[in-house]
């Protein structure tokens, strides 16, 4: 799609921890930006990661933000302090939220999708990059 072609969405939003940034992260950001004119990325703060993943990120929050800000597909980076996507929408007013399709059909994301649909926000699941994840990378490096 050329820059002069209209994209399906004006403002898109996606989130992640982005610990041990890898090609799967880049793929999600690239695919999301292909579908929206302006991409906002929420980077999970350490406290939120500890709350739902039960572990502290390896890379400190400020460094993860700096990495994501440097990606050419990203227009704005914000801290993700809550898993509540409707609260994020209250502040950011995005038209669409993007997430990896490895979460499609999960109880958590079915609920999020229904909540967002009720306020007019689409949820688009993007292909997960097979065989790559931060967890897999930690296993290969021996890092806990």
N, C-alpha and C. Protein backbone atom coordinates (compact mmCIF):
# COMPACT_ATOMS: atom_id res chain seq x y z
N UNK A 1 0.85 -1.18 0.00
CA UNK A 1 0.00 0.00 0.00
C UNK A 1 0.89 1.24 0.00
N UNK A 2 0.65 2.15 -0.94
CA UNK A 2 1.45 3.37 -0.98
C UNK A 2 0.96 4.36 0.05
N UNK A 3 1.79 5.35 0.33
CA UNK A 3 1.44 6.36 1.34
C UNK A 3 0.23 7.18 0.92
N UNK A 4 -0.07 7.23 -0.38
CA UNK A 4 -1.20 8.03 -0.84
C UNK A 4 -2.52 7.26 -0.74
N UNK A 5 -2.48 5.95 -0.59
CA UNK A 5 -3.69 5.15 -0.42
C UNK A 5 -4.20 5.29 1.01
N UNK A 6 -5.51 5.37 1.12
CA UNK A 6 -6.12 5.49 2.45
C UNK A 6 -6.06 4.15 3.16
N UNK A 7 -5.64 4.18 4.39
CA UNK A 7 -5.59 2.96 5.20
C UNK A 7 -6.94 2.75 5.86
N UNK A 8 -7.27 1.50 6.23
CA UNK A 8 -8.59 1.22 6.79
C UNK A 8 -8.91 1.95 8.10
N UNK A 9 -7.88 2.29 8.88
CA UNK A 9 -8.10 2.92 10.18
C UNK A 9 -7.23 4.17 10.31
N UNK A 10 -7.76 5.14 11.06
CA UNK A 10 -7.00 6.35 11.32
C UNK A 10 -6.00 6.13 12.47
N UNK A 11 -6.51 5.73 13.65
CA UNK A 11 -5.65 5.55 14.82
C UNK A 11 -5.72 4.11 15.30
N UNK A 12 -4.56 3.46 15.37
CA UNK A 12 -4.46 2.09 15.86
C UNK A 12 -3.70 2.05 17.17
N UNK A 13 -3.95 0.97 17.90
CA UNK A 13 -3.31 0.79 19.21
C UNK A 13 -2.92 -0.67 19.37
N UNK A 14 -1.75 -0.88 19.91
CA UNK A 14 -1.33 -2.21 20.28
C UNK A 14 -0.48 -2.10 21.53
N UNK A 15 -0.33 -3.21 22.23
CA UNK A 15 0.43 -3.19 23.47
C UNK A 15 1.36 -4.39 23.55
N UNK A 16 2.30 -4.29 24.45
CA UNK A 16 3.18 -5.42 24.69
C UNK A 16 4.19 -5.09 25.78
N UNK A 17 4.87 -6.11 26.22
CA UNK A 17 5.96 -5.93 27.16
C UNK A 17 7.21 -5.49 26.39
N UNK A 18 7.44 -6.13 25.25
CA UNK A 18 8.59 -5.85 24.39
C UNK A 18 9.90 -6.09 25.12
N UNK A 19 9.92 -7.14 25.95
CA UNK A 19 11.14 -7.55 26.63
C UNK A 19 11.89 -8.45 25.66
N UNK A 20 13.17 -8.23 25.51
CA UNK A 20 13.95 -8.99 24.53
C UNK A 20 13.31 -8.83 23.15
N UNK A 21 13.28 -7.59 22.65
CA UNK A 21 12.64 -7.27 21.38
C UNK A 21 13.13 -8.22 20.28
N UNK A 22 12.19 -8.76 19.52
CA UNK A 22 12.53 -9.74 18.48
C UNK A 22 11.69 -9.53 17.23
N UNK A 23 11.94 -10.34 16.22
CA UNK A 23 11.29 -10.19 14.92
C UNK A 23 9.76 -10.32 15.01
N UNK A 24 9.26 -11.10 15.95
CA UNK A 24 7.81 -11.20 16.12
C UNK A 24 7.21 -9.87 16.54
N UNK A 25 7.89 -9.14 17.43
CA UNK A 25 7.43 -7.80 17.82
C UNK A 25 7.43 -6.88 16.61
N UNK A 26 8.51 -6.91 15.85
CA UNK A 26 8.62 -6.05 14.68
C UNK A 26 7.52 -6.37 13.67
N UNK A 27 7.24 -7.65 13.47
CA UNK A 27 6.18 -8.05 12.53
C UNK A 27 4.82 -7.50 12.94
N UNK A 28 4.49 -7.58 14.22
CA UNK A 28 3.20 -7.05 14.71
C UNK A 28 3.13 -5.55 14.46
N UNK A 29 4.19 -4.82 14.80
CA UNK A 29 4.18 -3.37 14.61
C UNK A 29 4.08 -3.00 13.13
N UNK A 30 4.79 -3.70 12.28
CA UNK A 30 4.75 -3.43 10.84
C UNK A 30 3.35 -3.70 10.29
N UNK A 31 2.79 -4.85 10.64
CA UNK A 31 1.47 -5.22 10.13
C UNK A 31 0.38 -4.29 10.65
N UNK A 32 0.53 -3.84 11.89
CA UNK A 32 -0.44 -2.89 12.44
C UNK A 32 -0.36 -1.56 11.69
N UNK A 33 0.84 -1.07 11.48
CA UNK A 33 1.02 0.23 10.80
C UNK A 33 0.53 0.17 9.35
N UNK A 34 0.57 -0.99 8.73
CA UNK A 34 0.05 -1.14 7.37
C UNK A 34 -1.45 -0.84 7.31
N UNK A 35 -2.13 -0.96 8.46
CA UNK A 35 -3.58 -0.81 8.49
C UNK A 35 -4.07 0.49 9.13
N UNK A 36 -3.16 1.31 9.65
CA UNK A 36 -3.61 2.56 10.28
C UNK A 36 -2.65 3.70 9.94
N UNK A 37 -3.19 4.89 9.96
CA UNK A 37 -2.39 6.07 9.65
C UNK A 37 -1.48 6.46 10.81
N UNK A 38 -1.94 6.23 12.05
CA UNK A 38 -1.19 6.64 13.24
C UNK A 38 -1.22 5.47 14.22
N UNK A 39 -0.06 4.97 14.61
CA UNK A 39 0.02 3.81 15.50
C UNK A 39 0.55 4.22 16.87
N UNK A 40 -0.27 3.94 17.89
CA UNK A 40 0.11 4.15 19.28
C UNK A 40 0.45 2.79 19.88
N UNK A 41 1.57 2.73 20.59
CA UNK A 41 2.00 1.47 21.19
C UNK A 41 2.10 1.66 22.71
N UNK A 42 1.38 0.82 23.43
CA UNK A 42 1.47 0.81 24.89
C UNK A 42 2.53 -0.19 25.32
N UNK A 43 3.52 0.28 26.04
CA UNK A 43 4.56 -0.59 26.58
C UNK A 43 4.23 -0.83 28.06
N UNK A 44 4.10 -2.10 28.43
CA UNK A 44 3.71 -2.46 29.79
C UNK A 44 4.75 -2.02 30.82
N UNK A 45 4.27 -1.34 31.86
CA UNK A 45 5.16 -0.95 32.95
C UNK A 45 5.50 -2.21 33.76
N UNK A 46 6.62 -2.16 34.47
CA UNK A 46 7.10 -3.33 35.22
C UNK A 46 6.05 -3.88 36.18
N UNK A 47 5.36 -2.99 36.91
CA UNK A 47 4.38 -3.45 37.90
C UNK A 47 3.26 -4.26 37.25
N UNK A 48 2.83 -3.86 36.06
CA UNK A 48 1.78 -4.60 35.36
C UNK A 48 2.28 -5.97 34.92
N UNK A 49 3.51 -6.02 34.42
CA UNK A 49 4.09 -7.30 33.99
C UNK A 49 4.21 -8.26 35.17
N UNK A 50 4.66 -7.74 36.28
CA UNK A 50 4.78 -8.56 37.49
C UNK A 50 3.41 -9.07 37.92
N UNK A 51 2.40 -8.20 37.81
CA UNK A 51 1.04 -8.57 38.21
C UNK A 51 0.47 -9.72 37.38
N UNK A 52 0.62 -9.64 36.04
CA UNK A 52 -0.04 -10.68 35.23
C UNK A 52 0.89 -11.77 34.70
N UNK A 53 2.19 -11.53 34.63
CA UNK A 53 3.12 -12.58 34.20
C UNK A 53 3.88 -13.19 35.36
N UNK A 54 3.77 -12.57 36.51
CA UNK A 54 4.44 -13.05 37.74
C UNK A 54 5.96 -13.07 37.62
N UNK A 55 6.50 -12.14 36.80
CA UNK A 55 7.95 -12.00 36.71
C UNK A 55 8.28 -10.58 36.26
N UNK A 56 9.46 -10.12 36.65
CA UNK A 56 9.91 -8.79 36.27
C UNK A 56 10.58 -8.86 34.90
N UNK A 57 10.32 -7.88 34.04
CA UNK A 57 11.00 -7.88 32.74
C UNK A 57 12.52 -7.81 32.91
N UNK A 58 13.23 -8.40 31.98
CA UNK A 58 14.69 -8.37 31.98
C UNK A 58 15.21 -6.98 31.63
N UNK A 59 14.58 -6.36 30.65
CA UNK A 59 14.98 -5.04 30.18
C UNK A 59 14.14 -4.00 30.94
N UNK A 60 14.78 -2.98 31.50
CA UNK A 60 14.02 -1.99 32.27
C UNK A 60 13.06 -1.22 31.36
N UNK A 61 11.98 -0.72 31.95
CA UNK A 61 10.89 -0.06 31.23
C UNK A 61 11.39 1.05 30.31
N UNK A 62 12.22 1.95 30.81
CA UNK A 62 12.69 3.09 30.01
C UNK A 62 13.44 2.62 28.76
N UNK A 63 14.19 1.54 28.87
CA UNK A 63 14.92 1.01 27.72
C UNK A 63 13.96 0.36 26.72
N UNK A 64 12.95 -0.35 27.23
CA UNK A 64 11.95 -0.95 26.33
C UNK A 64 11.19 0.13 25.57
N UNK A 65 10.87 1.23 26.25
CA UNK A 65 10.21 2.37 25.59
C UNK A 65 11.12 2.94 24.51
N UNK A 66 12.39 3.14 24.81
CA UNK A 66 13.34 3.70 23.84
C UNK A 66 13.46 2.82 22.60
N UNK A 67 13.47 1.52 22.81
CA UNK A 67 13.55 0.59 21.68
C UNK A 67 12.31 0.73 20.80
N UNK A 68 11.13 0.71 21.41
CA UNK A 68 9.88 0.79 20.64
C UNK A 68 9.76 2.15 19.95
N UNK A 69 10.17 3.22 20.62
CA UNK A 69 10.11 4.56 20.01
C UNK A 69 10.99 4.65 18.77
N UNK A 70 12.04 3.85 18.71
CA UNK A 70 12.98 3.90 17.59
C UNK A 70 12.47 3.16 16.34
N UNK A 71 11.40 2.44 16.48
CA UNK A 71 10.86 1.67 15.35
C UNK A 71 10.08 2.59 14.43
N UNK A 72 10.39 2.55 13.14
CA UNK A 72 9.79 3.49 12.19
C UNK A 72 8.28 3.34 12.04
N UNK A 73 7.70 2.23 12.42
CA UNK A 73 6.26 2.02 12.29
C UNK A 73 5.47 2.66 13.42
N UNK A 74 6.15 3.08 14.47
CA UNK A 74 5.50 3.57 15.69
C UNK A 74 5.46 5.10 15.69
N UNK A 75 4.25 5.64 15.91
CA UNK A 75 4.08 7.09 15.94
C UNK A 75 4.10 7.67 17.35
N UNK A 76 3.66 6.89 18.32
CA UNK A 76 3.63 7.36 19.71
C UNK A 76 3.73 6.16 20.64
N UNK A 77 4.47 6.32 21.73
CA UNK A 77 4.58 5.27 22.75
C UNK A 77 4.01 5.83 24.05
N UNK A 78 3.18 5.00 24.70
CA UNK A 78 2.59 5.37 25.99
C UNK A 78 2.82 4.22 26.97
N UNK A 79 2.87 4.51 28.27
CA UNK A 79 2.98 3.42 29.23
C UNK A 79 1.64 2.68 29.34
N UNK A 80 1.69 1.37 29.36
CA UNK A 80 0.49 0.57 29.62
C UNK A 80 0.50 0.23 31.11
N UNK A 81 -0.43 0.82 31.85
CA UNK A 81 -0.47 0.64 33.29
C UNK A 81 -1.60 -0.28 33.73
N UNK A 82 -2.45 -0.67 32.78
CA UNK A 82 -3.60 -1.51 33.08
C UNK A 82 -3.90 -2.38 31.88
N UNK A 83 -4.45 -3.56 32.14
CA UNK A 83 -4.88 -4.44 31.05
C UNK A 83 -6.24 -4.02 30.50
N UNK A 84 -6.88 -3.04 31.12
CA UNK A 84 -8.20 -2.57 30.72
C UNK A 84 -8.08 -1.71 29.46
N UNK A 85 -8.44 -2.28 28.33
CA UNK A 85 -8.29 -1.58 27.04
C UNK A 85 -9.31 -0.46 26.88
N UNK A 86 -10.45 -0.55 27.55
CA UNK A 86 -11.43 0.54 27.46
C UNK A 86 -10.92 1.78 28.19
N UNK A 87 -10.17 1.60 29.27
CA UNK A 87 -9.53 2.75 29.94
C UNK A 87 -8.51 3.39 29.01
N UNK A 88 -7.77 2.58 28.29
CA UNK A 88 -6.80 3.12 27.33
C UNK A 88 -7.55 3.90 26.25
N UNK A 89 -8.67 3.37 25.78
CA UNK A 89 -9.47 4.05 24.76
C UNK A 89 -9.99 5.39 25.27
N UNK A 90 -10.39 5.45 26.54
CA UNK A 90 -10.86 6.71 27.13
C UNK A 90 -9.82 7.81 26.97
N UNK A 91 -8.55 7.46 27.06
CA UNK A 91 -7.46 8.43 26.96
C UNK A 91 -6.96 8.64 25.53
N UNK A 92 -6.97 7.58 24.71
CA UNK A 92 -6.29 7.62 23.42
C UNK A 92 -7.21 7.69 22.20
N UNK A 93 -8.45 7.24 22.34
CA UNK A 93 -9.47 7.30 21.28
C UNK A 93 -9.01 6.67 19.96
N UNK A 94 -8.56 5.44 20.03
CA UNK A 94 -8.15 4.70 18.84
C UNK A 94 -9.38 4.06 18.18
N UNK A 95 -9.24 3.74 16.90
CA UNK A 95 -10.32 3.12 16.11
C UNK A 95 -10.23 1.60 16.10
N UNK A 96 -9.03 1.12 16.33
CA UNK A 96 -8.76 -0.31 16.20
C UNK A 96 -7.65 -0.68 17.18
N UNK A 97 -7.74 -1.91 17.67
CA UNK A 97 -6.66 -2.45 18.49
C UNK A 97 -6.13 -3.69 17.78
N UNK A 98 -4.83 -3.83 17.78
CA UNK A 98 -4.17 -4.97 17.13
C UNK A 98 -3.56 -5.87 18.19
N UNK A 99 -3.64 -7.17 17.93
CA UNK A 99 -3.02 -8.13 18.84
C UNK A 99 -2.63 -9.37 18.05
N UNK A 100 -1.64 -10.09 18.56
CA UNK A 100 -1.23 -11.34 17.92
C UNK A 100 -2.34 -12.37 17.98
N UNK A 101 -2.49 -13.14 16.91
CA UNK A 101 -3.59 -14.11 16.84
C UNK A 101 -3.40 -15.31 17.75
N UNK A 102 -2.27 -15.38 18.45
CA UNK A 102 -2.09 -16.46 19.42
C UNK A 102 -3.05 -16.28 20.60
N UNK A 103 -3.64 -15.10 20.77
CA UNK A 103 -4.60 -14.83 21.84
C UNK A 103 -6.05 -14.91 21.35
N UNK A 104 -6.25 -15.05 20.04
CA UNK A 104 -7.61 -15.08 19.49
C UNK A 104 -8.38 -16.27 20.07
N UNK A 105 -9.61 -15.99 20.51
CA UNK A 105 -10.45 -17.05 21.07
C UNK A 105 -10.22 -17.30 22.54
N UNK A 106 -9.25 -16.59 23.14
CA UNK A 106 -9.03 -16.77 24.58
C UNK A 106 -10.15 -16.06 25.33
N UNK A 107 -10.46 -16.54 26.51
CA UNK A 107 -11.51 -15.94 27.32
C UNK A 107 -11.24 -14.45 27.56
N UNK A 108 -9.99 -14.12 27.90
CA UNK A 108 -9.64 -12.74 28.18
C UNK A 108 -9.87 -11.84 26.96
N UNK A 109 -9.41 -12.28 25.79
CA UNK A 109 -9.54 -11.43 24.61
C UNK A 109 -10.93 -11.46 23.99
N UNK A 110 -11.70 -12.52 24.20
CA UNK A 110 -13.11 -12.49 23.78
C UNK A 110 -13.84 -11.40 24.55
N UNK A 111 -13.55 -11.28 25.84
CA UNK A 111 -14.17 -10.25 26.68
C UNK A 111 -13.73 -8.85 26.23
N UNK A 112 -12.44 -8.68 26.01
CA UNK A 112 -11.91 -7.38 25.56
C UNK A 112 -12.53 -7.00 24.22
N UNK A 113 -12.61 -7.96 23.31
CA UNK A 113 -13.17 -7.70 21.98
C UNK A 113 -14.62 -7.24 22.09
N UNK A 114 -15.42 -7.88 22.93
CA UNK A 114 -16.83 -7.51 23.12
C UNK A 114 -16.95 -6.11 23.72
N UNK A 115 -16.12 -5.80 24.71
CA UNK A 115 -16.15 -4.47 25.34
C UNK A 115 -15.80 -3.38 24.33
N UNK A 116 -14.80 -3.63 23.52
CA UNK A 116 -14.39 -2.64 22.54
C UNK A 116 -15.41 -2.49 21.42
N UNK A 117 -15.99 -3.59 21.00
CA UNK A 117 -17.01 -3.54 19.95
C UNK A 117 -18.18 -2.66 20.39
N UNK A 118 -18.53 -2.71 21.68
CA UNK A 118 -19.64 -1.93 22.23
C UNK A 118 -19.38 -0.42 22.13
N UNK A 119 -18.11 -0.01 22.05
CA UNK A 119 -17.79 1.42 21.92
C UNK A 119 -17.29 1.76 20.51
N UNK A 120 -17.46 0.82 19.58
CA UNK A 120 -17.14 1.09 18.18
C UNK A 120 -15.69 0.88 17.78
N UNK A 121 -14.95 0.11 18.57
CA UNK A 121 -13.54 -0.15 18.26
C UNK A 121 -13.40 -1.57 17.71
N UNK A 122 -12.74 -1.69 16.58
CA UNK A 122 -12.48 -3.00 15.99
C UNK A 122 -11.27 -3.65 16.65
N UNK A 123 -11.27 -4.98 16.68
CA UNK A 123 -10.09 -5.72 17.12
C UNK A 123 -9.60 -6.54 15.93
N UNK A 124 -8.35 -6.36 15.60
CA UNK A 124 -7.75 -7.09 14.48
C UNK A 124 -6.63 -7.96 15.04
N UNK A 125 -6.76 -9.26 14.79
CA UNK A 125 -5.72 -10.20 15.21
C UNK A 125 -4.75 -10.39 14.05
N UNK A 126 -3.48 -10.18 14.32
CA UNK A 126 -2.43 -10.30 13.32
C UNK A 126 -1.68 -11.61 13.51
N UNK A 127 -1.16 -12.16 12.42
CA UNK A 127 -0.47 -13.46 12.52
C UNK A 127 0.70 -13.42 13.49
N UNK A 128 0.71 -14.39 14.39
CA UNK A 128 1.81 -14.57 15.33
C UNK A 128 2.98 -15.17 14.57
N UNK A 129 4.18 -14.70 14.84
CA UNK A 129 5.37 -15.23 14.19
C UNK A 129 5.71 -16.56 14.85
N UNK A 130 5.54 -17.63 14.12
CA UNK A 130 5.76 -18.97 14.67
C UNK A 130 7.20 -19.19 15.11
N UNK A 131 7.33 -19.85 16.24
CA UNK A 131 8.64 -20.29 16.71
C UNK A 131 9.47 -19.21 17.38
N UNK A 132 8.87 -18.02 17.61
CA UNK A 132 9.65 -16.97 18.27
C UNK A 132 8.81 -16.33 19.36
N UNK A 133 9.42 -16.15 20.50
CA UNK A 133 8.81 -15.43 21.62
C UNK A 133 9.93 -15.08 22.58
N UNK A 134 9.66 -14.09 23.43
CA UNK A 134 10.68 -13.74 24.43
C UNK A 134 10.94 -14.92 25.35
N UNK A 135 9.87 -15.66 25.69
CA UNK A 135 10.03 -16.83 26.56
C UNK A 135 10.95 -17.86 25.91
N UNK A 136 10.77 -18.09 24.60
CA UNK A 136 11.64 -19.04 23.89
C UNK A 136 13.08 -18.54 23.88
N UNK A 137 13.25 -17.23 23.68
CA UNK A 137 14.60 -16.68 23.67
C UNK A 137 15.28 -16.83 25.02
N UNK A 138 14.52 -16.61 26.10
CA UNK A 138 15.09 -16.80 27.44
C UNK A 138 15.54 -18.22 27.64
N UNK A 139 14.75 -19.18 27.14
CA UNK A 139 15.11 -20.59 27.26
C UNK A 139 16.38 -20.91 26.52
N UNK A 140 16.60 -20.30 25.36
CA UNK A 140 17.79 -20.56 24.55
C UNK A 140 19.04 -19.92 25.15
N UNK A 141 18.84 -18.82 25.88
CA UNK A 141 20.01 -18.13 26.44
C UNK A 141 20.35 -18.59 27.84
N UNK A 142 19.40 -19.30 28.46
CA UNK A 142 19.60 -19.73 29.82
C UNK A 142 19.25 -18.68 30.85
N UNK A 143 18.68 -17.56 30.38
CA UNK A 143 18.25 -16.49 31.28
C UNK A 143 16.93 -16.88 31.90
N UNK A 144 16.74 -16.61 33.17
CA UNK A 144 15.46 -16.89 33.82
C UNK A 144 14.48 -15.78 33.54
